PDB file of N, CA and C in Angstrom:
ATOM      1  N   MET A   1     145.343 163.805  61.044  1.00  0.00           N
ATOM      2  CA  MET A   1     144.719 164.133  62.295  1.00  0.00           C
ATOM      3  C   MET A   1     145.319 165.443  62.801  1.00  0.00           C
ATOM      4  N   THR A   2     144.472 166.389  63.169  1.00  0.00           N
ATOM      5  CA  THR A   2     144.942 167.687  63.637  1.00  0.00           C
ATOM      6  C   THR A   2     145.035 167.682  65.149  1.00  0.00           C
ATOM      7  N   LYS A   3     145.995 168.420  65.618  1.00  0.00           N
ATOM      8  CA  LYS A   3     146.209 168.540  67.068  1.00  0.00           C
ATOM      9  C   LYS A   3     145.308 169.636  67.614  1.00  0.00           C
ATOM     10  N   ALA A   4     144.612 169.354  68.691  1.00  0.00           N
ATOM     11  CA  ALA A   4     143.745 170.347  69.318  1.00  0.00           C
ATOM     12  C   ALA A   4     144.607 171.412  69.989  1.00  0.00           C
ATOM     13  N   THR A   5     144.221 172.658  69.819  1.00  0.00           N
ATOM     14  CA  THR A   5     144.945 173.740  70.473  1.00  0.00           C
ATOM     15  C   THR A   5     144.055 174.374  71.516  1.00  0.00           C
ATOM     16  N   THR A   6     144.697 174.844  72.565  1.00  0.00           N
ATOM     17  CA  THR A   6     143.945 175.531  73.613  1.00  0.00           C
ATOM     18  C   THR A   6     144.116 177.021  73.417  1.00  0.00           C
ATOM     19  N   PRO A   7     143.104 177.782  73.719  1.00  0.00           N
ATOM     20  CA  PRO A   7     143.222 179.233  73.570  1.00  0.00           C
ATOM     21  C   PRO A   7     144.266 179.777  74.528  1.00  0.00           C
ATOM     22  N   PRO A   8     144.905 180.881  74.166  1.00  0.00           N
ATOM     23  CA  PRO A   8     145.907 181.457  75.064  1.00  0.00           C
ATOM     24  C   PRO A   8     145.281 181.872  76.390  1.00  0.00           C
ATOM     25  N   SER A   9     146.059 181.748  77.434  1.00  0.00           N
ATOM     26  CA  SER A   9     145.587 182.086  78.772  1.00  0.00           C
ATOM     27  C   SER A   9     145.395 183.592  78.902  1.00  0.00           C
ATOM     28  N   THR A  10     144.343 183.972  79.604  1.00  0.00           N
ATOM     29  CA  THR A  10     144.104 185.390  79.873  1.00  0.00           C
ATOM     30  C   THR A  10     144.606 185.791  81.247  1.00  0.00           C
ATOM     31  N   ALA A  11     145.160 184.833  81.987  1.00  0.00           N
ATOM     32  CA  ALA A  11     145.668 185.124  83.327  1.00  0.00           C
ATOM     33  C   ALA A  11     146.948 185.951  83.230  1.00  0.00           C
ATOM     34  N   PRO A  12     147.152 186.866  84.158  1.00  0.00           N
ATOM     35  CA  PRO A  12     148.340 187.707  84.134  1.00  0.00           C
ATOM     36  C   PRO A  12     149.595 186.932  84.513  1.00  0.00           C
ATOM     37  N   GLN A  13     150.747 187.432  84.072  1.00  0.00           N
ATOM     38  CA  GLN A  13     152.011 186.863  84.523  1.00  0.00           C
ATOM     39  C   GLN A  13     152.161 187.219  85.993  1.00  0.00           C
ATOM     40  N   THR A  14     152.694 186.285  86.753  1.00  0.00           N
ATOM     41  CA  THR A  14     152.659 186.466  88.200  1.00  0.00           C
ATOM     42  C   THR A  14     153.823 187.248  88.786  1.00  0.00           C
ATOM     43  N   ASP A  15     154.928 187.441  88.066  1.00  0.00           N
ATOM     44  CA  ASP A  15     156.103 188.008  88.712  1.00  0.00           C
ATOM     45  C   ASP A  15     156.611 189.314  88.105  1.00  0.00           C
ATOM     46  N   LEU A  16     155.817 190.011  87.344  1.00  0.00           N
ATOM     47  CA  LEU A  16     156.227 191.295  86.786  1.00  0.00           C
ATOM     48  C   LEU A  16     155.879 192.411  87.767  1.00  0.00           C
ATOM     49  N   GLU A  17     156.882 193.222  88.101  1.00  0.00           N
ATOM     50  CA  GLU A  17     156.628 194.322  89.028  1.00  0.00           C
ATOM     51  C   GLU A  17     155.861 195.436  88.333  1.00  0.00           C
ATOM     52  N   PRO A  18     154.914 196.041  89.017  1.00  0.00           N
ATOM     53  CA  PRO A  18     154.196 197.182  88.440  1.00  0.00           C
ATOM     54  C   PRO A  18     155.115 198.396  88.350  1.00  0.00           C
ATOM     55  N   ASP A  19     154.746 199.349  87.513  1.00  0.00           N
ATOM     56  CA  ASP A  19     155.549 200.553  87.325  1.00  0.00           C
ATOM     57  C   ASP A  19     155.600 201.436  88.568  1.00  0.00           C
ATOM     58  N   SER A  20     154.545 201.389  89.370  1.00  0.00           N
ATOM     59  CA  SER A  20     154.475 202.236  90.556  1.00  0.00           C
ATOM     60  C   SER A  20     153.557 201.580  91.586  1.00  0.00           C
ATOM     61  N   PHE A  21     153.563 202.139  92.785  1.00  0.00           N
ATOM     62  CA  PHE A  21     152.655 201.661  93.826  1.00  0.00           C
ATOM     63  C   PHE A  21     151.208 201.789  93.358  1.00  0.00           C
ATOM     64  N   GLU A  22     150.897 202.949  92.768  1.00  0.00           N
ATOM     65  CA  GLU A  22     149.526 203.200  92.321  1.00  0.00           C
ATOM     66  C   GLU A  22     149.102 202.229  91.229  1.00  0.00           C
ATOM     67  N   ALA A  23     150.014 201.914  90.313  1.00  0.00           N
ATOM     68  CA  ALA A  23     149.698 200.963  89.248  1.00  0.00           C
ATOM     69  C   ALA A  23     149.470 199.567  89.827  1.00  0.00           C
ATOM     70  N   GLY A  24     150.284 199.201  90.807  1.00  0.00           N
ATOM     71  CA  GLY A  24     150.117 197.905  91.452  1.00  0.00           C
ATOM     72  C   GLY A  24     148.806 197.807  92.198  1.00  0.00           C
ATOM     73  N   LEU A  25     148.461 198.864  92.898  1.00  0.00           N
ATOM     74  CA  LEU A  25     147.203 198.882  93.643  1.00  0.00           C
ATOM     75  C   LEU A  25     146.007 198.812  92.701  1.00  0.00           C
ATOM     76  N   LYS A  26     146.068 199.537  91.615  1.00  0.00           N
ATOM     77  CA  LYS A  26     144.973 199.525  90.639  1.00  0.00           C
ATOM     78  C   LYS A  26     144.810 198.131  90.034  1.00  0.00           C
ATOM     79  N   GLU A  27     145.935 197.510  89.664  1.00  0.00           N
ATOM     80  CA  GLU A  27     145.861 196.159  89.102  1.00  0.00           C
ATOM     81  C   GLU A  27     145.313 195.181  90.129  1.00  0.00           C
ATOM     82  N   LEU A  28     145.739 195.313  91.373  1.00  0.00           N
ATOM     83  CA  LEU A  28     145.248 194.443  92.435  1.00  0.00           C
ATOM     84  C   LEU A  28     143.736 194.591  92.602  1.00  0.00           C
ATOM     85  N   GLU A  29     143.254 195.814  92.589  1.00  0.00           N
ATOM     86  CA  GLU A  29     141.812 196.048  92.698  1.00  0.00           C
ATOM     87  C   GLU A  29     141.057 195.412  91.532  1.00  0.00           C
ATOM     88  N   GLN A  30     141.615 195.499  90.330  1.00  0.00           N
ATOM     89  CA  GLN A  30     140.977 194.896  89.160  1.00  0.00           C
ATOM     90  C   GLN A  30     140.945 193.371  89.277  1.00  0.00           C
ATOM     91  N   LEU A  31     142.046 192.795  89.773  1.00  0.00           N
ATOM     92  CA  LEU A  31     142.086 191.340  89.933  1.00  0.00           C
ATOM     93  C   LEU A  31     141.085 190.866  90.969  1.00  0.00           C
ATOM     94  N   VAL A  32     140.969 191.595  92.060  1.00  0.00           N
ATOM     95  CA  VAL A  32     139.996 191.227  93.098  1.00  0.00           C
ATOM     96  C   VAL A  32     138.578 191.263  92.528  1.00  0.00           C
ATOM     97  N   ALA A  33     138.270 192.310  91.777  1.00  0.00           N
ATOM     98  CA  ALA A  33     136.941 192.412  91.167  1.00  0.00           C
ATOM     99  C   ALA A  33     136.698 191.256  90.202  1.00  0.00           C
ATOM    100  N   LEU A  34     137.714 190.911  89.438  1.00  0.00           N
ATOM    101  CA  LEU A  34     137.590 189.810  88.488  1.00  0.00           C
ATOM    102  C   LEU A  34     137.381 188.482  89.205  1.00  0.00           C
ATOM    103  N   LEU A  35     138.147 188.258  90.257  1.00  0.00           N
ATOM    104  CA  LEU A  35     137.983 187.019  91.024  1.00  0.00           C
ATOM    105  C   LEU A  35     136.604 186.950  91.680  1.00  0.00           C
ATOM    106  N   GLU A  36     136.142 188.069  92.207  1.00  0.00           N
ATOM    107  CA  GLU A  36     134.837 188.094  92.880  1.00  0.00           C
ATOM    108  C   GLU A  36     133.677 187.954  91.903  1.00  0.00           C
ATOM    109  N   SER A  37     133.902 188.299  90.650  1.00  0.00           N
ATOM    110  CA  SER A  37     132.815 188.232  89.665  1.00  0.00           C
ATOM    111  C   SER A  37     132.406 186.803  89.342  1.00  0.00           C
ATOM    112  N   GLY A  38     133.326 185.869  89.537  1.00  0.00           N
ATOM    113  CA  GLY A  38     133.022 184.478  89.208  1.00  0.00           C
ATOM    114  C   GLY A  38     133.027 184.201  87.714  1.00  0.00           C
ATOM    115  N   GLN A  39     133.492 185.123  86.919  1.00  0.00           N
ATOM    116  CA  GLN A  39     133.475 184.984  85.464  1.00  0.00           C
ATOM    117  C   GLN A  39     134.805 184.506  84.886  1.00  0.00           C
ATOM    118  N   MET A  40     135.728 184.115  85.726  1.00  0.00           N
ATOM    119  CA  MET A  40     137.046 183.721  85.265  1.00  0.00           C
ATOM    120  C   MET A  40     137.105 182.217  85.036  1.00  0.00           C
ATOM    121  N   PRO A  41     137.739 181.784  83.950  1.00  0.00           N
ATOM    122  CA  PRO A  41     137.893 180.342  83.723  1.00  0.00           C
ATOM    123  C   PRO A  41     138.718 179.706  84.841  1.00  0.00           C
ATOM    124  N   LEU A  42     138.369 178.502  85.187  1.00  0.00           N
ATOM    125  CA  LEU A  42     139.037 177.795  86.276  1.00  0.00           C
ATOM    126  C   LEU A  42     140.538 177.701  86.048  1.00  0.00           C
ATOM    127  N   ALA A  43     140.953 177.519  84.810  1.00  0.00           N
ATOM    128  CA  ALA A  43     142.374 177.371  84.505  1.00  0.00           C
ATOM    129  C   ALA A  43     143.171 178.626  84.851  1.00  0.00           C
ATOM    130  N   ASP A  44     142.519 179.785  84.869  1.00  0.00           N
ATOM    131  CA  ASP A  44     143.212 181.045  85.137  1.00  0.00           C
ATOM    132  C   ASP A  44     143.116 181.507  86.587  1.00  0.00           C
ATOM    133  N   LEU A  45     142.287 180.865  87.373  1.00  0.00           N
ATOM    134  CA  LEU A  45     142.079 181.310  88.753  1.00  0.00           C
ATOM    135  C   LEU A  45     143.358 181.296  89.585  1.00  0.00           C
ATOM    136  N   LEU A  46     144.114 180.221  89.525  1.00  0.00           N
ATOM    137  CA  LEU A  46     145.319 180.110  90.349  1.00  0.00           C
ATOM    138  C   LEU A  46     146.348 181.167  89.961  1.00  0.00           C
ATOM    139  N   LYS A  47     146.578 181.359  88.661  1.00  0.00           N
ATOM    140  CA  LYS A  47     147.546 182.363  88.222  1.00  0.00           C
ATOM    141  C   LYS A  47     147.098 183.760  88.625  1.00  0.00           C
ATOM    142  N   THR A  48     145.827 184.025  88.535  1.00  0.00           N
ATOM    143  CA  THR A  48     145.318 185.337  88.922  1.00  0.00           C
ATOM    144  C   THR A  48     145.473 185.544  90.422  1.00  0.00           C
ATOM    145  N   TYR A  49     145.188 184.517  91.194  1.00  0.00           N
ATOM    146  CA  TYR A  49     145.374 184.602  92.639  1.00  0.00           C
ATOM    147  C   TYR A  49     146.843 184.839  92.974  1.00  0.00           C
ATOM    148  N   GLN A  50     147.735 184.115  92.306  1.00  0.00           N
ATOM    149  CA  GLN A  50     149.168 184.273  92.554  1.00  0.00           C
ATOM    150  C   GLN A  50     149.627 185.676  92.199  1.00  0.00           C
ATOM    151  N   ARG A  51     149.113 186.225  91.101  1.00  0.00           N
ATOM    152  CA  ARG A  51     149.473 187.595  90.724  1.00  0.00           C
ATOM    153  C   ARG A  51     148.975 188.568  91.798  1.00  0.00           C
ATOM    154  N   GLY A  52     147.771 188.357  92.275  1.00  0.00           N
ATOM    155  CA  GLY A  52     147.234 189.208  93.330  1.00  0.00           C
ATOM    156  C   GLY A  52     148.075 189.139  94.592  1.00  0.00           C
ATOM    157  N   ALA A  53     148.522 187.938  94.965  1.00  0.00           N
ATOM    158  CA  ALA A  53     149.366 187.783  96.144  1.00  0.00           C
ATOM    159  C   ALA A  53     150.705 188.498  95.931  1.00  0.00           C
ATOM    160  N   PHE A  54     151.261 188.402  94.729  1.00  0.00           N
ATOM    161  CA  PHE A  54     152.515 189.088  94.421  1.00  0.00           C
ATOM    162  C   PHE A  54     152.332 190.604  94.529  1.00  0.00           C
ATOM    163  N   LEU A  55     151.247 191.117  93.950  1.00  0.00           N
ATOM    164  CA  LEU A  55     150.988 192.559  93.992  1.00  0.00           C
ATOM    165  C   LEU A  55     150.757 193.037  95.418  1.00  0.00           C
ATOM    166  N   LEU A  56     150.039 192.263  96.202  1.00  0.00           N
ATOM    167  CA  LEU A  56     149.792 192.624  97.599  1.00  0.00           C
ATOM    168  C   LEU A  56     151.114 192.719  98.354  1.00  0.00           C
ATOM    169  N   ASN A  57     151.979 191.753  98.166  1.00  0.00           N
ATOM    170  CA  ASN A  57     153.282 191.775  98.825  1.00  0.00           C
ATOM    171  C   ASN A  57     154.109 192.964  98.342  1.00  0.00           C
ATOM    172  N   HIS A  58     154.097 193.224  97.054  1.00  0.00           N
ATOM    173  CA  HIS A  58     154.847 194.349  96.489  1.00  0.00           C
ATOM    174  C   HIS A  58     154.368 195.679  97.087  1.00  0.00           C
ATOM    175  N   CYS A  59     153.062 195.866  97.145  1.00  0.00           N
ATOM    176  CA  CYS A  59     152.514 197.112  97.697  1.00  0.00           C
ATOM    177  C   CYS A  59     152.823 197.231  99.188  1.00  0.00           C
ATOM    178  N   ARG A  60     152.749 196.142  99.901  1.00  0.00           N
ATOM    179  CA  ARG A  60     153.086 196.168 101.330  1.00  0.00           C
ATOM    180  C   ARG A  60     154.542 196.562 101.546  1.00  0.00           C
ATOM    181  N   GLN A  61     155.439 196.041 100.712  1.00  0.00           N
ATOM    182  CA  GLN A  61     156.848 196.388 100.823  1.00  0.00           C
ATOM    183  C   GLN A  61     157.071 197.868 100.536  1.00  0.00           C
ATOM    184  N   GLN A  62     156.368 198.397  99.539  1.00  0.00           N
ATOM    185  CA  GLN A  62     156.486 199.815  99.226  1.00  0.00           C
ATOM    186  C   GLN A  62     156.009 200.655 100.407  1.00  0.00           C
ATOM    187  N   LEU A  63     154.885 200.303 100.997  1.00  0.00           N
ATOM    188  CA  LEU A  63     154.367 201.033 102.147  1.00  0.00           C
ATOM    189  C   LEU A  63     155.322 200.945 103.333  1.00  0.00           C
ATOM    190  N   GLN A  64     155.890 199.769 103.563  1.00  0.00           N
ATOM    191  CA  GLN A  64     156.840 199.585 104.654  1.00  0.00           C
ATOM    192  C   GLN A  64     158.049 200.504 104.474  1.00  0.00           C
ATOM    193  N   ALA A  65     158.543 200.602 103.240  1.00  0.00           N
ATOM    194  CA  ALA A  65     159.700 201.464 102.969  1.00  0.00           C
ATOM    195  C   ALA A  65     159.357 202.927 103.249  1.00  0.00           C
ATOM    196  N   VAL A  66     158.173 203.356 102.875  1.00  0.00           N
ATOM    197  CA  VAL A  66     157.755 204.737 103.130  1.00  0.00           C
ATOM    198  C   VAL A  66     157.596 204.973 104.631  1.00  0.00           C
ATOM    199  N   GLU A  67     156.997 204.022 105.333  1.00  0.00           N
ATOM    200  CA  GLU A  67     156.837 204.157 106.779  1.00  0.00           C
ATOM    201  C   GLU A  67     158.196 204.272 107.469  1.00  0.00           C
ATOM    202  N   GLU A  68     159.160 203.475 107.028  1.00  0.00           N
ATOM    203  CA  GLU A  68     160.494 203.556 107.614  1.00  0.00           C
ATOM    204  C   GLU A  68     161.130 204.910 107.341  1.00  0.00           C
ATOM    205  N   GLN A  69     160.926 205.440 106.148  1.00  0.00           N
ATOM    206  CA  GLN A  69     161.467 206.763 105.806  1.00  0.00           C
ATOM    207  C   GLN A  69     160.836 207.837 106.689  1.00  0.00           C
ATOM    208  N   ILE A  70     159.551 207.740 106.919  1.00  0.00           N
ATOM    209  CA  ILE A  70     158.867 208.719 107.776  1.00  0.00           C
ATOM    210  C   ILE A  70     159.408 208.640 109.197  1.00  0.00           C
ATOM    211  N   GLN A  71     159.643 207.430 109.683  1.00  0.00           N
ATOM    212  CA  GLN A  71     160.198 207.279 111.024  1.00  0.00           C
ATOM    213  C   GLN A  71     161.571 207.922 111.120  1.00  0.00           C
ATOM    214  N   VAL A  72     162.376 207.783 110.080  1.00  0.00           N
ATOM    215  CA  VAL A  72     163.695 208.399 110.066  1.00  0.00           C
ATOM    216  C   VAL A  72     163.546 209.916 110.067  1.00  0.00           C
ATOM    217  N   LEU A  73     162.634 210.427 109.255  1.00  0.00           N
ATOM    218  CA  LEU A  73     162.435 211.869 109.183  1.00  0.00           C
ATOM    219  C   LEU A  73     161.946 212.422 110.522  1.00  0.00           C
ATOM    220  N   GLU A  74     161.086 211.693 111.177  1.00  0.00           N
ATOM    221  CA  GLU A  74     160.553 212.156 112.452  1.00  0.00           C
ATOM    222  C   GLU A  74     161.604 212.160 113.553  1.00  0.00           C
ATOM    223  N   SER A  75     162.631 211.357 113.419  1.00  0.00           N
ATOM    224  CA  SER A  75     163.670 211.341 114.442  1.00  0.00           C
ATOM    225  C   SER A  75     164.743 212.415 114.187  1.00  0.00           C
ATOM    226  N   GLY A  76     164.559 213.210 113.152  1.00  0.00           N
ATOM    227  CA  GLY A  76     165.441 214.331 112.908  1.00  0.00           C
ATOM    228  C   GLY A  76     166.572 214.069 111.931  1.00  0.00           C
ATOM    229  N   SER A  77     166.656 212.855 111.406  1.00  0.00           N
ATOM    230  CA  SER A  77     167.700 212.583 110.435  1.00  0.00           C
ATOM    231  C   SER A  77     167.061 212.208 109.098  1.00  0.00           C
ATOM    232  N   LEU A  78     167.797 212.392 108.035  1.00  0.00           N
ATOM    233  CA  LEU A  78     167.287 212.134 106.693  1.00  0.00           C
ATOM    234  C   LEU A  78     168.045 210.961 106.103  1.00  0.00           C
ATOM    235  N   LYS A  79     167.293 209.986 105.660  1.00  0.00           N
ATOM    236  CA  LYS A  79     167.873 208.818 104.991  1.00  0.00           C
ATOM    237  C   LYS A  79     167.201 208.703 103.637  1.00  0.00           C
ATOM    238  N   PRO A  80     167.939 208.685 102.544  1.00  0.00           N
ATOM    239  CA  PRO A  80     167.306 208.615 101.227  1.00  0.00           C
ATOM    240  C   PRO A  80     166.483 207.354 101.063  1.00  0.00           C
ATOM    241  N   TRP A  81     165.321 207.510 100.452  1.00  0.00           N
ATOM    242  CA  TRP A  81     164.451 206.373 100.171  1.00  0.00           C
ATOM    243  C   TRP A  81     164.778 205.861  98.798  1.00  0.00           C
ATOM    244  N   THR A  82     165.058 204.566  98.679  1.00  0.00           N
ATOM    245  CA  THR A  82     165.424 203.983  97.391  1.00  0.00           C
ATOM    246  C   THR A  82     164.206 203.481  96.627  1.00  0.00           C
ATOM    247  N   GLY A  83     163.066 203.372  97.290  1.00  0.00           N
ATOM    248  CA  GLY A  83     161.858 202.881  96.620  1.00  0.00           C
ATOM    249  C   GLY A  83     161.802 201.377  96.530  1.00  0.00           C
ATOM    250  N   GLN A  84     162.704 200.690  97.175  1.00  0.00           N
ATOM    251  CA  GLN A  84     162.712 199.224  97.123  1.00  0.00           C
ATOM    252  C   GLN A  84     162.782 198.642  98.501  1.00  0.00           C
TER     253      GLN A  84
END
């Protein structure tokens, strides 16, 4: 008797950081389009949603760091931005 195998999941890993803000935003846009298309297998929906939530949080944190740097620059002092 052979054991049934399931095909490998096409859902993205949920906790890998993107290389850049732009890469994260692009991936997030692709995931949103994929979710909205309705063409994704049910088994992958949750992982894709979780990846999208992770990317959204990552991009928000990047934007927050830049906004804080701008506020520092506008007050006349310079604070190095670490990107994190």
